[in-house]
Amino acid sequence: METVFSCRLDKRVLEFLEKYSAELHTNKGKLLRELVNEGRKMIAIEMYKHGKASIGKAAAIAGMSLSEMIDLLANFGVKSNLDVEDFRESLMNADKLLG
């Protein structure tokens, strides 16, 4: 379900949206949604990289599955900082799935 959200954009951001939405043959709203989604991924990568989020939390921030997050981190050359807690969390999730 989509919700309409209103916000103020400075002139440069609006010009960017207008220029690149035309160049990409899409509308400004769709481009802005894609930018927000990509921004979530970048925030998640940075938080994980600097130890501010576990891989599970980073995946949630990015709106991705754990395996997608692992692949994304690998694509950006981010080394794993999995710890014992991450391993335990993975085991608990596996137990829930196997039920």
Protein backbone atom coordinates (compact mmCIF):
# COMPACT_ATOMS: atom_id res chain seq x y z
CA MET A 1 0.00 0.00 0.00
CA GLU A 2 1.33 3.39 -0.94
CA THR A 3 0.81 6.53 1.06
CA VAL A 4 1.15 10.06 -0.23
CA PHE A 5 3.91 11.91 1.62
CA SER A 6 4.61 15.58 1.21
CA CYS A 7 8.03 17.10 1.76
CA ARG A 8 10.02 20.16 0.79
CA LEU A 9 12.85 19.75 -1.69
CA ASP A 10 15.43 22.36 -2.43
CA LYS A 11 15.77 23.61 -5.99
CA ARG A 12 18.84 21.49 -6.79
CA VAL A 13 17.14 18.26 -5.74
CA LEU A 14 14.05 19.09 -7.75
CA GLU A 15 16.18 19.96 -10.80
CA PHE A 16 17.99 16.65 -10.41
CA LEU A 17 14.70 14.74 -10.24
CA GLU A 18 13.34 16.53 -13.29
CA LYS A 19 16.50 16.02 -15.34
CA TYR A 20 17.10 12.37 -14.54
CA SER A 21 13.48 11.29 -14.58
CA ALA A 22 13.29 12.62 -18.15
CA GLU A 23 16.61 11.00 -19.04
CA LEU A 24 15.53 7.66 -17.58
CA HIS A 25 12.02 7.92 -19.05
CA THR A 26 10.32 7.62 -15.68
CA ASN A 27 8.37 9.93 -13.44
CA LYS A 28 9.81 11.94 -10.55
CA GLY A 29 7.91 9.97 -7.94
CA LYS A 30 9.24 6.63 -9.12
CA LEU A 31 12.78 7.99 -9.32
CA LEU A 32 12.53 9.42 -5.81
CA ARG A 33 11.26 6.07 -4.47
CA GLU A 34 14.20 4.30 -6.14
CA LEU A 35 16.64 6.81 -4.64
CA VAL A 36 15.16 6.27 -1.17
CA ASN A 37 15.51 2.49 -1.58
CA GLU A 38 19.11 2.82 -2.73
CA GLY A 39 19.78 5.23 0.13
CA ARG A 40 18.49 2.66 2.62
CA LYS A 41 21.01 0.19 1.23
CA MET A 42 23.87 2.68 1.54
CA ILE A 43 22.91 3.54 5.13
CA ALA A 44 22.77 -0.17 5.97
CA ILE A 45 26.19 -0.79 4.40
CA GLU A 46 27.77 2.11 6.29
CA MET A 47 26.20 1.09 9.60
CA TYR A 48 27.36 -2.51 9.17
CA LYS A 49 30.81 -1.46 8.01
CA HIS A 50 31.31 0.71 11.10
CA GLY A 51 29.93 -1.87 13.52
CA LYS A 52 26.78 0.11 14.29
CA ALA A 53 24.45 -2.63 13.02
CA SER A 54 24.49 -6.40 12.89
CA ILE A 55 24.01 -8.02 9.53
CA GLY A 56 20.39 -8.74 10.47
CA LYS A 57 19.74 -5.13 11.43
CA ALA A 58 21.48 -3.92 8.26
CA ALA A 59 19.27 -6.22 6.19
CA ALA A 60 16.17 -4.81 7.92
CA ILE A 61 17.30 -1.23 7.31
CA ALA A 62 17.95 -2.02 3.65
CA GLY A 63 14.63 -3.85 3.30
CA MET A 64 16.39 -7.01 2.15
CA SER A 65 16.72 -10.63 3.17
CA LEU A 66 19.83 -11.70 5.03
CA SER A 67 21.24 -13.48 1.98
CA GLU A 68 20.60 -10.42 -0.23
CA MET A 69 22.40 -8.26 2.34
CA ILE A 70 25.38 -10.61 2.39
CA ASP A 71 25.56 -10.43 -1.41
CA LEU A 72 25.25 -6.63 -1.35
CA LEU A 73 28.07 -6.32 1.19
CA ALA A 74 30.24 -8.62 -0.92
CA ASN A 75 29.50 -6.54 -4.03
CA PHE A 76 30.73 -3.46 -2.18
CA GLY A 77 33.80 -5.27 -0.85
CA VAL A 78 32.71 -5.01 2.78
CA LYS A 79 34.29 -7.65 4.95
CA SER A 80 32.15 -9.64 7.34
CA ASN A 81 32.12 -8.66 10.98
CA LEU A 82 29.90 -11.51 12.02
CA ASP A 83 30.25 -12.30 15.68
CA VAL A 84 28.97 -14.98 18.00
CA GLU A 85 25.69 -13.08 18.53
CA ASP A 86 25.05 -12.97 14.78
CA PHE A 87 25.69 -16.71 14.62
CA ARG A 88 23.26 -17.35 17.50
CA GLU A 89 20.63 -15.15 15.85
CA SER A 90 21.03 -17.14 12.63
CA LEU A 91 20.60 -20.41 14.47
CA MET A 92 17.46 -19.15 16.23
CA ASN A 93 16.01 -17.99 12.91
CA ALA A 94 16.82 -21.36 11.34
CA ASP A 95 15.08 -23.13 14.23
CA LYS A 96 11.98 -20.96 13.73
CA LEU A 97 11.94 -21.71 10.02
CA LEU A 98 12.37 -25.45 10.51
CA GLY A 99 9.82 -25.30 13.27
